[in-house]
């Protein structure tokens, strides 16, 4: 992939990626039900969302997010790739793969505005993580739908957030609940782990 393509610019014979999610561009309202609008700091990149409520909304404290966002944690809302439509500036996008430290469009990767460098999304193979601070949430109902539901990688935090939300040491649902996570959720998590241990033990007896 050459530098022009990495910047989102059209390269003859190599531009088919623009027609695939999440790079759906300039869809009319007849084809795309735009519920929300968002834009980067400079306004060169603008996008719309069709889904009313994100699939999930999380606060991530991993060191990569801390460094990439120059902030103590990242607030991310998860959507399907089909939920987004670029209304302006798809050619102003640039990519960065934090694993290989490459600017090639290699998934998963981070997507930014090439001019003001505002983070636009974390693009995965099936999902995208968008940043609600860019989205115009016009009323309390919309703000409530995007409210964070848990903390991830809280073991790497640089500050305590005593908000009573579930706090996972690593990935949500795949690590330990720590700190001030709701007690009933911690107990449920322990019951689930005990059931899993018993199931493995039973399978071991039968083998």
N, C-alpha and C. Protein backbone atom coordinates (compact mmCIF):
# COMPACT_ATOMS: atom_id res chain seq x y z
N UNK A 1 0.85 -1.19 0.00
CA UNK A 1 0.00 0.00 0.00
C UNK A 1 0.88 1.24 0.00
N UNK A 2 0.63 2.19 -0.93
CA UNK A 2 1.47 3.37 -0.97
C UNK A 2 0.95 4.45 -0.03
N UNK A 3 1.69 5.56 0.08
CA UNK A 3 1.34 6.62 1.02
C UNK A 3 0.01 7.28 0.69
N UNK A 4 -0.33 7.40 -0.60
CA UNK A 4 -1.60 8.02 -0.97
C UNK A 4 -2.77 7.19 -0.46
N UNK A 5 -2.65 5.87 -0.64
CA UNK A 5 -3.73 5.01 -0.17
C UNK A 5 -3.82 5.04 1.35
N UNK A 6 -2.67 5.10 2.02
CA UNK A 6 -2.65 5.14 3.48
C UNK A 6 -3.30 6.40 4.01
N UNK A 7 -3.35 7.46 3.22
CA UNK A 7 -4.00 8.69 3.62
C UNK A 7 -5.48 8.71 3.23
N UNK A 8 -5.97 7.63 2.65
CA UNK A 8 -7.38 7.56 2.28
C UNK A 8 -7.65 8.16 0.92
N UNK A 9 -6.62 8.52 0.16
CA UNK A 9 -6.81 9.12 -1.14
C UNK A 9 -7.01 8.04 -2.20
N UNK A 10 -7.72 8.39 -3.25
CA UNK A 10 -8.02 7.42 -4.30
C UNK A 10 -6.77 7.02 -5.05
N UNK A 11 -6.55 5.73 -5.16
CA UNK A 11 -5.46 5.19 -5.95
C UNK A 11 -6.07 4.23 -6.96
N UNK A 12 -5.93 4.52 -8.23
CA UNK A 12 -6.59 3.74 -9.27
C UNK A 12 -6.25 2.27 -9.13
N UNK A 13 -7.28 1.47 -9.11
CA UNK A 13 -7.09 0.02 -9.00
C UNK A 13 -6.98 -0.47 -7.58
N UNK A 14 -6.84 0.45 -6.60
CA UNK A 14 -6.67 0.04 -5.20
C UNK A 14 -7.68 0.71 -4.28
N UNK A 15 -8.76 1.26 -4.82
CA UNK A 15 -9.68 2.04 -4.01
C UNK A 15 -10.95 1.29 -3.63
N UNK A 16 -10.99 -0.03 -3.84
CA UNK A 16 -12.20 -0.79 -3.53
C UNK A 16 -12.53 -0.76 -2.05
N UNK A 17 -11.51 -0.51 -1.20
CA UNK A 17 -11.74 -0.49 0.25
C UNK A 17 -12.74 0.60 0.63
N UNK A 18 -12.84 1.65 -0.17
CA UNK A 18 -13.75 2.76 0.16
C UNK A 18 -15.21 2.32 0.16
N UNK A 19 -15.51 1.28 -0.60
CA UNK A 19 -16.88 0.83 -0.74
C UNK A 19 -17.27 -0.18 0.34
N UNK A 20 -16.31 -0.52 1.19
CA UNK A 20 -16.58 -1.47 2.25
C UNK A 20 -16.68 -0.75 3.59
N UNK A 21 -17.53 -1.27 4.48
CA UNK A 21 -17.63 -0.71 5.83
C UNK A 21 -16.26 -0.81 6.51
N UNK A 22 -15.85 0.17 7.33
CA UNK A 22 -16.65 1.31 7.76
C UNK A 22 -16.51 2.53 6.84
N UNK A 23 -16.01 2.37 5.63
CA UNK A 23 -15.79 3.53 4.78
C UNK A 23 -16.93 3.74 3.79
N UNK A 24 -18.15 3.53 4.27
CA UNK A 24 -19.32 3.89 3.46
C UNK A 24 -19.34 5.42 3.39
N UNK A 25 -19.42 5.98 2.19
CA UNK A 25 -19.30 7.42 2.06
C UNK A 25 -20.48 8.03 1.32
N UNK A 26 -20.91 9.16 1.84
CA UNK A 26 -21.91 10.01 1.19
C UNK A 26 -23.20 9.27 0.85
N UNK A 27 -23.62 8.37 1.74
CA UNK A 27 -24.93 7.72 1.55
C UNK A 27 -26.03 8.75 1.75
N UNK A 28 -27.06 8.73 0.94
CA UNK A 28 -28.18 9.64 1.11
C UNK A 28 -29.02 9.21 2.30
N UNK A 29 -29.83 10.11 2.82
CA UNK A 29 -30.69 9.81 3.95
C UNK A 29 -31.68 8.69 3.62
N UNK A 30 -31.97 8.50 2.33
CA UNK A 30 -32.88 7.44 1.94
C UNK A 30 -32.25 6.07 2.17
N UNK A 31 -30.93 6.01 2.08
CA UNK A 31 -30.22 4.74 2.24
C UNK A 31 -29.58 4.57 3.61
N UNK A 32 -29.51 5.66 4.39
CA UNK A 32 -28.84 5.60 5.68
C UNK A 32 -29.62 6.45 6.68
N UNK A 33 -30.09 5.82 7.74
CA UNK A 33 -30.86 6.51 8.78
C UNK A 33 -29.91 7.13 9.79
N UNK A 34 -29.56 8.39 9.60
CA UNK A 34 -28.57 9.06 10.44
C UNK A 34 -29.22 9.54 11.75
N UNK A 35 -28.86 8.87 12.85
CA UNK A 35 -29.38 9.26 14.17
C UNK A 35 -28.44 10.26 14.86
N UNK A 36 -27.14 10.11 14.63
CA UNK A 36 -26.17 10.99 15.27
C UNK A 36 -25.19 11.52 14.23
N UNK A 37 -24.60 12.68 14.53
CA UNK A 37 -23.55 13.24 13.71
C UNK A 37 -22.32 13.50 14.58
N UNK A 38 -21.16 13.42 13.97
CA UNK A 38 -19.91 13.63 14.71
C UNK A 38 -18.88 14.24 13.77
N UNK A 39 -17.89 14.89 14.35
CA UNK A 39 -16.82 15.45 13.54
C UNK A 39 -15.55 15.60 14.36
N UNK A 40 -14.43 15.68 13.66
CA UNK A 40 -13.14 15.87 14.32
C UNK A 40 -13.00 17.34 14.74
N UNK A 41 -11.90 17.69 15.37
CA UNK A 41 -11.71 19.03 15.90
C UNK A 41 -11.72 20.09 14.80
N UNK A 42 -11.09 19.82 13.65
CA UNK A 42 -11.01 20.80 12.58
C UNK A 42 -12.23 20.77 11.66
N UNK A 43 -13.06 19.74 11.77
CA UNK A 43 -14.26 19.64 10.96
C UNK A 43 -14.06 19.08 9.58
N UNK A 44 -12.85 18.65 9.25
CA UNK A 44 -12.61 18.09 7.92
C UNK A 44 -13.20 16.69 7.77
N UNK A 45 -13.31 15.96 8.88
CA UNK A 45 -13.90 14.62 8.86
C UNK A 45 -15.21 14.65 9.62
N UNK A 46 -16.29 14.26 8.95
CA UNK A 46 -17.60 14.20 9.58
C UNK A 46 -18.23 12.85 9.27
N UNK A 47 -18.90 12.26 10.27
CA UNK A 47 -19.56 10.99 10.03
C UNK A 47 -20.91 10.96 10.73
N UNK A 48 -21.72 9.97 10.34
CA UNK A 48 -23.05 9.77 10.90
C UNK A 48 -23.15 8.35 11.45
N UNK A 49 -24.09 8.17 12.38
CA UNK A 49 -24.34 6.85 12.95
C UNK A 49 -25.82 6.52 12.83
N UNK A 50 -26.11 5.28 12.49
CA UNK A 50 -27.51 4.85 12.34
C UNK A 50 -28.04 4.12 13.56
N UNK A 51 -27.16 3.56 14.38
CA UNK A 51 -27.60 2.80 15.55
C UNK A 51 -27.90 3.75 16.71
N UNK A 52 -29.05 3.53 17.36
CA UNK A 52 -29.46 4.42 18.45
C UNK A 52 -28.59 4.26 19.68
N UNK A 53 -28.26 3.02 20.03
CA UNK A 53 -27.49 2.74 21.24
C UNK A 53 -26.26 1.92 20.90
N UNK A 54 -25.10 2.30 21.41
CA UNK A 54 -23.90 1.49 21.13
C UNK A 54 -24.04 0.08 21.67
N UNK A 55 -23.33 -0.86 21.07
CA UNK A 55 -23.34 -2.24 21.54
C UNK A 55 -22.77 -2.32 22.94
N UNK A 56 -21.83 -1.44 23.24
CA UNK A 56 -21.23 -1.35 24.57
C UNK A 56 -20.53 -0.01 24.67
N UNK A 57 -20.24 0.41 25.88
CA UNK A 57 -19.52 1.66 26.11
C UNK A 57 -18.59 1.44 27.30
N UNK A 58 -17.30 1.67 27.10
CA UNK A 58 -16.30 1.31 28.10
C UNK A 58 -15.26 2.40 28.29
N UNK A 59 -14.62 2.39 29.45
CA UNK A 59 -13.47 3.23 29.73
C UNK A 59 -12.25 2.32 29.78
N UNK A 60 -11.28 2.57 28.91
CA UNK A 60 -10.10 1.71 28.82
C UNK A 60 -8.88 2.42 29.40
N UNK A 61 -8.20 1.74 30.32
CA UNK A 61 -7.04 2.32 31.00
C UNK A 61 -5.72 1.71 30.53
N UNK A 62 -5.72 0.99 29.41
CA UNK A 62 -4.47 0.35 28.96
C UNK A 62 -3.44 1.42 28.59
N UNK A 63 -2.18 1.05 28.67
CA UNK A 63 -1.11 2.02 28.43
C UNK A 63 -1.09 2.52 26.98
N UNK A 64 -1.54 1.68 26.03
CA UNK A 64 -1.61 2.13 24.64
C UNK A 64 -2.61 3.26 24.49
N UNK A 65 -3.79 3.12 25.09
CA UNK A 65 -4.79 4.18 25.03
C UNK A 65 -4.31 5.44 25.74
N UNK A 66 -3.65 5.25 26.87
CA UNK A 66 -3.11 6.41 27.59
C UNK A 66 -2.15 7.20 26.72
N UNK A 67 -1.28 6.49 26.03
CA UNK A 67 -0.27 7.15 25.19
C UNK A 67 -0.90 7.75 23.95
N UNK A 68 -1.74 6.97 23.26
CA UNK A 68 -2.32 7.43 22.00
C UNK A 68 -3.26 8.62 22.19
N UNK A 69 -3.94 8.68 23.33
CA UNK A 69 -4.89 9.76 23.57
C UNK A 69 -4.33 10.85 24.48
N UNK A 70 -3.12 10.63 24.99
CA UNK A 70 -2.50 11.60 25.92
C UNK A 70 -3.47 11.92 27.05
N UNK A 71 -4.08 10.88 27.60
CA UNK A 71 -5.10 11.04 28.63
C UNK A 71 -5.03 9.83 29.57
N UNK A 72 -5.59 9.94 30.78
CA UNK A 72 -5.50 8.82 31.72
C UNK A 72 -6.29 7.59 31.28
N UNK A 73 -7.31 7.77 30.44
CA UNK A 73 -8.07 6.63 29.92
C UNK A 73 -8.82 7.05 28.67
N UNK A 74 -9.35 6.06 27.96
CA UNK A 74 -10.10 6.29 26.72
C UNK A 74 -11.55 5.89 26.92
N UNK A 75 -12.46 6.73 26.46
CA UNK A 75 -13.90 6.43 26.48
C UNK A 75 -14.28 5.97 25.07
N UNK A 76 -14.73 4.74 24.96
CA UNK A 76 -15.03 4.18 23.64
C UNK A 76 -16.40 3.54 23.62
N UNK A 77 -17.15 3.79 22.54
CA UNK A 77 -18.45 3.16 22.31
C UNK A 77 -18.32 2.23 21.11
N UNK A 78 -18.83 1.02 21.24
CA UNK A 78 -18.64 -0.01 20.24
C UNK A 78 -19.83 -0.09 19.29
N UNK A 79 -19.54 -0.14 17.99
CA UNK A 79 -20.56 -0.22 16.95
C UNK A 79 -20.16 -1.26 15.91
N UNK A 80 -21.15 -1.71 15.13
CA UNK A 80 -20.86 -2.49 13.94
C UNK A 80 -20.29 -1.56 12.87
N UNK A 81 -19.52 -2.09 11.98
CA UNK A 81 -18.97 -1.27 10.90
C UNK A 81 -20.07 -0.69 10.01
N UNK A 82 -21.17 -1.42 9.89
CA UNK A 82 -22.26 -0.97 9.03
C UNK A 82 -23.03 0.21 9.63
N UNK A 83 -22.75 0.56 10.89
CA UNK A 83 -23.50 1.62 11.56
C UNK A 83 -22.98 3.02 11.24
N UNK A 84 -21.86 3.13 10.53
CA UNK A 84 -21.23 4.42 10.30
C UNK A 84 -21.23 4.79 8.81
N UNK A 85 -21.40 6.08 8.54
CA UNK A 85 -21.38 6.61 7.18
C UNK A 85 -20.60 7.93 7.20
N UNK A 86 -19.56 8.02 6.39
CA UNK A 86 -18.79 9.26 6.33
C UNK A 86 -19.50 10.26 5.43
N UNK A 87 -19.88 11.38 6.02
CA UNK A 87 -20.56 12.44 5.28
C UNK A 87 -19.57 13.40 4.64
N UNK A 88 -18.34 13.42 5.16
CA UNK A 88 -17.34 14.34 4.64
C UNK A 88 -15.95 13.88 5.09
N UNK A 89 -14.98 14.05 4.21
CA UNK A 89 -13.58 13.91 4.61
C UNK A 89 -13.03 12.51 4.71
N UNK A 90 -13.64 11.52 4.03
CA UNK A 90 -13.05 10.18 4.11
C UNK A 90 -11.62 10.16 3.59
N UNK A 91 -11.31 11.08 2.67
CA UNK A 91 -9.95 11.16 2.12
C UNK A 91 -8.98 11.82 3.09
N UNK A 92 -9.50 12.33 4.23
CA UNK A 92 -8.64 12.97 5.23
C UNK A 92 -8.25 12.01 6.35
N UNK A 93 -8.51 10.72 6.16
CA UNK A 93 -8.21 9.74 7.19
C UNK A 93 -6.78 9.22 7.06
N UNK A 94 -6.20 8.91 8.20
CA UNK A 94 -4.91 8.22 8.21
C UNK A 94 -4.96 7.13 9.27
N UNK A 95 -4.10 6.12 9.09
CA UNK A 95 -4.14 4.96 9.97
C UNK A 95 -2.82 4.75 10.69
N UNK A 96 -2.93 4.04 11.83
CA UNK A 96 -1.74 3.68 12.59
C UNK A 96 -1.97 2.36 13.28
N UNK A 97 -1.06 1.43 13.05
CA UNK A 97 -1.11 0.13 13.71
C UNK A 97 -0.15 0.17 14.90
N UNK A 98 -0.67 0.23 16.14
CA UNK A 98 0.22 0.35 17.30
C UNK A 98 1.07 -0.88 17.57
N UNK A 99 0.67 -2.02 17.00
CA UNK A 99 1.46 -3.24 17.22
C UNK A 99 2.74 -3.21 16.39
N UNK A 100 2.61 -2.96 15.09
CA UNK A 100 3.79 -2.91 14.22
C UNK A 100 4.34 -1.50 14.04
N UNK A 101 3.62 -0.51 14.60
CA UNK A 101 4.00 0.91 14.47
C UNK A 101 4.12 1.28 12.99
N UNK A 102 3.09 0.86 12.24
CA UNK A 102 3.03 1.10 10.80
C UNK A 102 1.85 2.00 10.49
N UNK A 103 1.95 2.77 9.39
CA UNK A 103 0.84 3.62 8.95
C UNK A 103 0.02 2.95 7.85
N UNK A 104 0.26 1.68 7.60
CA UNK A 104 -0.54 0.95 6.63
C UNK A 104 -1.92 0.65 7.22
N UNK A 105 -2.90 0.48 6.33
CA UNK A 105 -4.26 0.13 6.77
C UNK A 105 -4.28 -1.35 7.07
N UNK A 106 -3.77 -1.70 8.24
CA UNK A 106 -3.63 -3.08 8.66
C UNK A 106 -4.45 -3.26 9.95
N UNK A 107 -5.48 -4.10 9.87
CA UNK A 107 -6.38 -4.27 11.01
C UNK A 107 -5.83 -5.23 12.05
N UNK A 108 -6.11 -4.92 13.35
CA UNK A 108 -6.80 -3.73 13.86
C UNK A 108 -5.85 -2.52 13.85
N UNK A 109 -6.46 -1.34 13.74
CA UNK A 109 -5.64 -0.13 13.70
C UNK A 109 -6.42 1.06 14.25
N UNK A 110 -5.71 2.15 14.45
CA UNK A 110 -6.31 3.40 14.89
C UNK A 110 -6.46 4.33 13.70
N UNK A 111 -7.59 5.04 13.67
CA UNK A 111 -7.92 5.92 12.54
C UNK A 111 -8.02 7.35 13.07
N UNK A 112 -7.34 8.28 12.38
CA UNK A 112 -7.32 9.68 12.81
C UNK A 112 -7.55 10.61 11.63
N UNK A 113 -7.87 11.87 11.94
CA UNK A 113 -7.88 12.91 10.93
C UNK A 113 -6.45 13.25 10.60
N UNK A 114 -6.12 13.27 9.31
CA UNK A 114 -4.75 13.53 8.89
C UNK A 114 -4.33 14.98 9.11
N UNK A 115 -5.31 15.88 9.33
CA UNK A 115 -4.99 17.30 9.49
C UNK A 115 -4.84 17.70 10.96
N UNK A 116 -5.91 17.49 11.77
CA UNK A 116 -5.84 17.88 13.18
C UNK A 116 -5.46 16.72 14.09
N UNK A 117 -5.41 15.51 13.53
CA UNK A 117 -5.01 14.29 14.25
C UNK A 117 -5.96 13.89 15.37
N UNK A 118 -7.20 14.37 15.30
CA UNK A 118 -8.21 13.89 16.26
C UNK A 118 -8.44 12.40 16.05
N UNK A 119 -8.49 11.60 17.13
CA UNK A 119 -8.83 10.19 16.97
C UNK A 119 -10.25 10.04 16.45
N UNK A 120 -10.44 9.26 15.41
CA UNK A 120 -11.76 9.03 14.83
C UNK A 120 -12.34 7.71 15.33
N UNK A 121 -11.54 6.66 15.30
CA UNK A 121 -12.01 5.35 15.75
C UNK A 121 -10.84 4.40 15.91
N UNK A 122 -11.09 3.32 16.63
CA UNK A 122 -10.24 2.13 16.58
C UNK A 122 -10.99 1.16 15.68
N UNK A 123 -10.38 0.78 14.58
CA UNK A 123 -11.04 -0.09 13.62
C UNK A 123 -10.59 -1.53 13.80
N UNK A 124 -11.53 -2.42 14.07
CA UNK A 124 -11.24 -3.83 14.16
C UNK A 124 -11.69 -4.56 12.91
N UNK A 125 -11.62 -5.86 12.95
CA UNK A 125 -12.02 -6.64 11.77
C UNK A 125 -13.53 -6.70 11.62
N UNK A 126 -14.25 -6.66 12.74
CA UNK A 126 -15.70 -6.74 12.68
C UNK A 126 -16.41 -5.55 13.32
N UNK A 127 -15.74 -4.90 14.24
CA UNK A 127 -16.34 -3.80 14.99
C UNK A 127 -15.47 -2.55 14.91
N UNK A 128 -16.07 -1.42 15.33
CA UNK A 128 -15.31 -0.19 15.47
C UNK A 128 -15.57 0.39 16.85
N UNK A 129 -14.55 1.02 17.43
CA UNK A 129 -14.67 1.72 18.70
C UNK A 129 -14.63 3.21 18.41
N UNK A 130 -15.75 3.89 18.65
CA UNK A 130 -15.84 5.32 18.40
C UNK A 130 -15.72 6.08 19.72
N UNK A 131 -15.44 7.37 19.61
CA UNK A 131 -15.19 8.18 20.79
C UNK A 131 -16.34 9.18 20.98
N UNK A 132 -17.20 8.94 22.00
CA UNK A 132 -18.39 9.76 22.18
C UNK A 132 -18.13 11.25 22.32
N UNK A 133 -16.92 11.64 22.71
CA UNK A 133 -16.63 13.07 22.84
C UNK A 133 -16.68 13.78 21.50
N UNK A 134 -16.63 13.04 20.37
CA UNK A 134 -16.76 13.62 19.04
C UNK A 134 -18.21 13.66 18.57
N UNK A 135 -19.07 12.88 19.22
CA UNK A 135 -20.45 12.71 18.76
C UNK A 135 -21.36 13.76 19.39
N UNK A 136 -22.23 14.33 18.61
CA UNK A 136 -23.16 15.35 19.10
C UNK A 136 -24.36 14.66 19.76
N UNK A 137 -24.29 14.54 21.08
CA UNK A 137 -25.37 13.92 21.85
C UNK A 137 -26.24 15.07 22.37
N UNK A 138 -27.39 15.26 21.75
CA UNK A 138 -28.16 16.49 21.93
C UNK A 138 -29.08 16.50 23.14
N UNK A 139 -29.37 15.34 23.72
CA UNK A 139 -30.30 15.35 24.85
C UNK A 139 -29.85 14.33 25.90
N UNK A 140 -30.51 14.37 27.06
CA UNK A 140 -30.13 13.50 28.17
C UNK A 140 -30.32 12.02 27.84
N UNK A 141 -31.35 11.71 27.04
CA UNK A 141 -31.58 10.31 26.67
C UNK A 141 -30.40 9.76 25.87
N UNK A 142 -29.93 10.53 24.91
CA UNK A 142 -28.78 10.09 24.11
C UNK A 142 -27.54 9.95 24.97
N UNK A 143 -27.32 10.90 25.86
CA UNK A 143 -26.14 10.84 26.74
C UNK A 143 -26.20 9.61 27.63
N UNK A 144 -27.40 9.25 28.09
CA UNK A 144 -27.55 8.08 28.95
C UNK A 144 -27.23 6.79 28.19
N UNK A 145 -27.58 6.74 26.90
CA UNK A 145 -27.32 5.55 26.09
C UNK A 145 -25.82 5.32 25.90
N UNK A 146 -25.05 6.39 25.90
CA UNK A 146 -23.61 6.29 25.68
C UNK A 146 -22.81 6.23 26.98
N UNK A 147 -23.49 6.26 28.11
CA UNK A 147 -22.80 6.26 29.39
C UNK A 147 -21.93 5.02 29.55
N UNK A 148 -20.68 5.17 30.03
CA UNK A 148 -19.80 4.01 30.21
C UNK A 148 -20.41 2.97 31.13
N UNK A 149 -20.19 1.69 30.79
CA UNK A 149 -20.78 0.59 31.55
C UNK A 149 -19.75 -0.15 32.39
N UNK A 150 -18.46 0.05 32.10
CA UNK A 150 -17.43 -0.63 32.88
C UNK A 150 -16.07 0.00 32.58
N UNK A 151 -15.07 -0.42 33.36
CA UNK A 151 -13.67 -0.04 33.12
C UNK A 151 -12.90 -1.29 32.68
N UNK A 152 -12.01 -1.12 31.71
CA UNK A 152 -11.12 -2.20 31.28
C UNK A 152 -9.67 -1.84 31.61
N UNK A 153 -8.85 -2.86 31.81
CA UNK A 153 -7.43 -2.68 32.12
C UNK A 153 -7.23 -1.70 33.27
N UNK A 154 -8.13 -1.82 34.26
CA UNK A 154 -8.06 -0.93 35.42
C UNK A 154 -6.79 -1.17 36.23
N UNK A 155 -6.18 -2.32 36.05
CA UNK A 155 -4.92 -2.60 36.73
C UNK A 155 -3.79 -1.73 36.24
N UNK A 156 -3.95 -1.10 35.07
CA UNK A 156 -2.92 -0.22 34.51
C UNK A 156 -3.27 1.26 34.70
N UNK A 157 -4.27 1.55 35.51
CA UNK A 157 -4.74 2.92 35.67
C UNK A 157 -3.67 3.83 36.26
N UNK A 158 -3.80 5.10 35.96
CA UNK A 158 -2.92 6.11 36.55
C UNK A 158 -3.66 6.95 37.58
N UNK A 159 -4.97 6.72 37.71
CA UNK A 159 -5.76 7.41 38.72
C UNK A 159 -6.96 6.56 39.08
N UNK A 160 -7.44 6.69 40.30
CA UNK A 160 -8.61 5.94 40.76
C UNK A 160 -9.89 6.65 40.33
N UNK A 161 -10.89 5.85 39.92
CA UNK A 161 -12.20 6.37 39.53
C UNK A 161 -13.25 5.64 40.37
N UNK A 162 -13.57 6.14 41.57
CA UNK A 162 -14.53 5.44 42.45
C UNK A 162 -15.97 5.72 42.06
N UNK A 163 -16.39 5.19 40.91
CA UNK A 163 -17.73 5.46 40.40
C UNK A 163 -18.69 4.29 40.56
N UNK A 164 -18.22 3.18 41.14
CA UNK A 164 -19.10 2.04 41.36
C UNK A 164 -19.32 1.16 40.15
N UNK A 165 -18.72 1.49 39.00
CA UNK A 165 -18.85 0.66 37.80
C UNK A 165 -17.97 -0.58 37.93
N UNK A 166 -18.31 -1.67 37.22
CA UNK A 166 -17.43 -2.84 37.20
C UNK A 166 -16.04 -2.47 36.69
N UNK A 167 -15.02 -2.98 37.35
CA UNK A 167 -13.65 -2.65 36.99
C UNK A 167 -12.87 -3.95 36.76
N UNK A 168 -12.50 -4.17 35.50
CA UNK A 168 -11.80 -5.38 35.12
C UNK A 168 -10.30 -5.11 35.07
N UNK A 169 -9.52 -6.09 35.54
CA UNK A 169 -8.06 -5.91 35.54
C UNK A 169 -7.52 -5.89 34.12
N UNK A 170 -8.19 -6.59 33.20
CA UNK A 170 -7.81 -6.61 31.79
C UNK A 170 -9.04 -6.44 30.94
N UNK A 171 -9.22 -7.32 29.95
CA UNK A 171 -10.41 -7.27 29.11
C UNK A 171 -11.66 -7.57 29.92
N UNK A 172 -12.76 -6.91 29.59
CA UNK A 172 -14.01 -7.15 30.29
C UNK A 172 -14.48 -8.58 30.04
N UNK A 173 -15.02 -9.17 31.08
CA UNK A 173 -15.55 -10.54 31.07
C UNK A 173 -14.46 -11.61 30.93
N UNK A 174 -13.20 -11.20 30.77
CA UNK A 174 -12.12 -12.18 30.59
C UNK A 174 -11.02 -12.03 31.63
N UNK A 175 -11.24 -11.19 32.65
CA UNK A 175 -10.21 -10.96 33.65
C UNK A 175 -10.88 -10.85 35.02
N UNK A 176 -10.15 -10.38 36.02
CA UNK A 176 -10.67 -10.28 37.38
C UNK A 176 -11.36 -8.94 37.61
N UNK A 177 -12.43 -8.98 38.40
CA UNK A 177 -13.07 -7.75 38.87
C UNK A 177 -12.31 -7.25 40.09
N UNK A 178 -11.92 -5.99 40.08
CA UNK A 178 -11.09 -5.47 41.16
C UNK A 178 -11.66 -4.15 41.69
N UNK A 179 -11.03 -3.66 42.74
CA UNK A 179 -11.36 -2.37 43.35
C UNK A 179 -12.82 -2.30 43.77
N UNK A 180 -13.51 -1.22 43.40
CA UNK A 180 -14.87 -0.97 43.91
C UNK A 180 -15.95 -1.51 42.99
N UNK A 181 -15.69 -2.60 42.30
CA UNK A 181 -16.72 -3.21 41.46
C UNK A 181 -17.92 -3.60 42.34
N UNK A 182 -19.13 -3.55 41.79
CA UNK A 182 -20.33 -3.91 42.58
C UNK A 182 -20.19 -5.30 43.19
N UNK A 183 -20.41 -5.44 44.52
CA UNK A 183 -20.23 -6.73 45.20
C UNK A 183 -21.03 -7.88 44.60
N UNK A 184 -22.28 -7.60 44.18
CA UNK A 184 -23.09 -8.68 43.62
C UNK A 184 -22.52 -9.19 42.31
N UNK A 185 -21.90 -8.28 41.53
CA UNK A 185 -21.28 -8.68 40.28
C UNK A 185 -20.03 -9.51 40.54
N UNK A 186 -19.28 -9.14 41.58
CA UNK A 186 -18.09 -9.91 41.95
C UNK A 186 -18.50 -11.31 42.38
N UNK A 187 -19.55 -11.41 43.20
CA UNK A 187 -20.02 -12.72 43.65
C UNK A 187 -20.49 -13.58 42.48
N UNK A 188 -21.21 -12.96 41.54
CA UNK A 188 -21.68 -13.68 40.36
C UNK A 188 -20.51 -14.18 39.53
N UNK A 189 -19.49 -13.35 39.43
CA UNK A 189 -18.29 -13.74 38.68
C UNK A 189 -17.61 -14.93 39.33
N UNK A 190 -17.54 -14.94 40.67
CA UNK A 190 -16.92 -16.05 41.39
C UNK A 190 -17.74 -17.33 41.23
N UNK A 191 -19.08 -17.20 41.27
CA UNK A 191 -19.93 -18.37 41.07
C UNK A 191 -19.72 -18.97 39.67
N UNK A 192 -19.60 -18.09 38.69
CA UNK A 192 -19.39 -18.55 37.33
C UNK A 192 -18.06 -19.29 37.21
N UNK A 193 -17.03 -18.75 37.84
CA UNK A 193 -15.72 -19.41 37.78
C UNK A 193 -15.74 -20.75 38.50
N UNK A 194 -16.47 -20.82 39.62
CA UNK A 194 -16.57 -22.07 40.36
C UNK A 194 -17.30 -23.12 39.52
N UNK A 195 -18.36 -22.70 38.83
CA UNK A 195 -19.08 -23.63 37.95
C UNK A 195 -18.17 -24.12 36.82
N UNK A 196 -17.36 -23.22 36.28
CA UNK A 196 -16.45 -23.61 35.21
C UNK A 196 -15.40 -24.61 35.72
N UNK A 197 -14.90 -24.37 36.94
CA UNK A 197 -13.92 -25.30 37.53
C UNK A 197 -14.55 -26.68 37.76
N UNK A 198 -15.79 -26.68 38.26
CA UNK A 198 -16.46 -27.96 38.50
C UNK A 198 -16.72 -28.70 37.19
N UNK A 199 -17.06 -27.96 36.15
CA UNK A 199 -17.31 -28.58 34.85
C UNK A 199 -16.04 -29.22 34.31
N UNK A 200 -14.93 -28.49 34.44
CA UNK A 200 -13.64 -29.06 33.97
C UNK A 200 -13.27 -30.29 34.78
N UNK A 201 -13.55 -30.26 36.10
CA UNK A 201 -13.24 -31.41 36.96
C UNK A 201 -14.04 -32.63 36.55
N UNK A 202 -15.33 -32.41 36.26
CA UNK A 202 -16.20 -33.51 35.84
C UNK A 202 -15.70 -34.12 34.54
N UNK A 203 -15.31 -33.26 33.59
CA UNK A 203 -14.80 -33.76 32.32
C UNK A 203 -13.53 -34.56 32.52
N UNK A 204 -12.72 -34.13 33.47
CA UNK A 204 -11.48 -34.86 33.77
C UNK A 204 -11.76 -36.23 34.34
N UNK A 205 -12.84 -36.36 35.16
CA UNK A 205 -13.19 -37.65 35.73
C UNK A 205 -13.70 -38.61 34.66
N UNK A 206 -14.37 -38.06 33.68
CA UNK A 206 -14.97 -38.91 32.64
C UNK A 206 -13.97 -39.36 31.61
N UNK A 207 -12.84 -38.65 31.51
CA UNK A 207 -11.84 -38.99 30.48
C UNK A 207 -10.98 -40.16 30.92
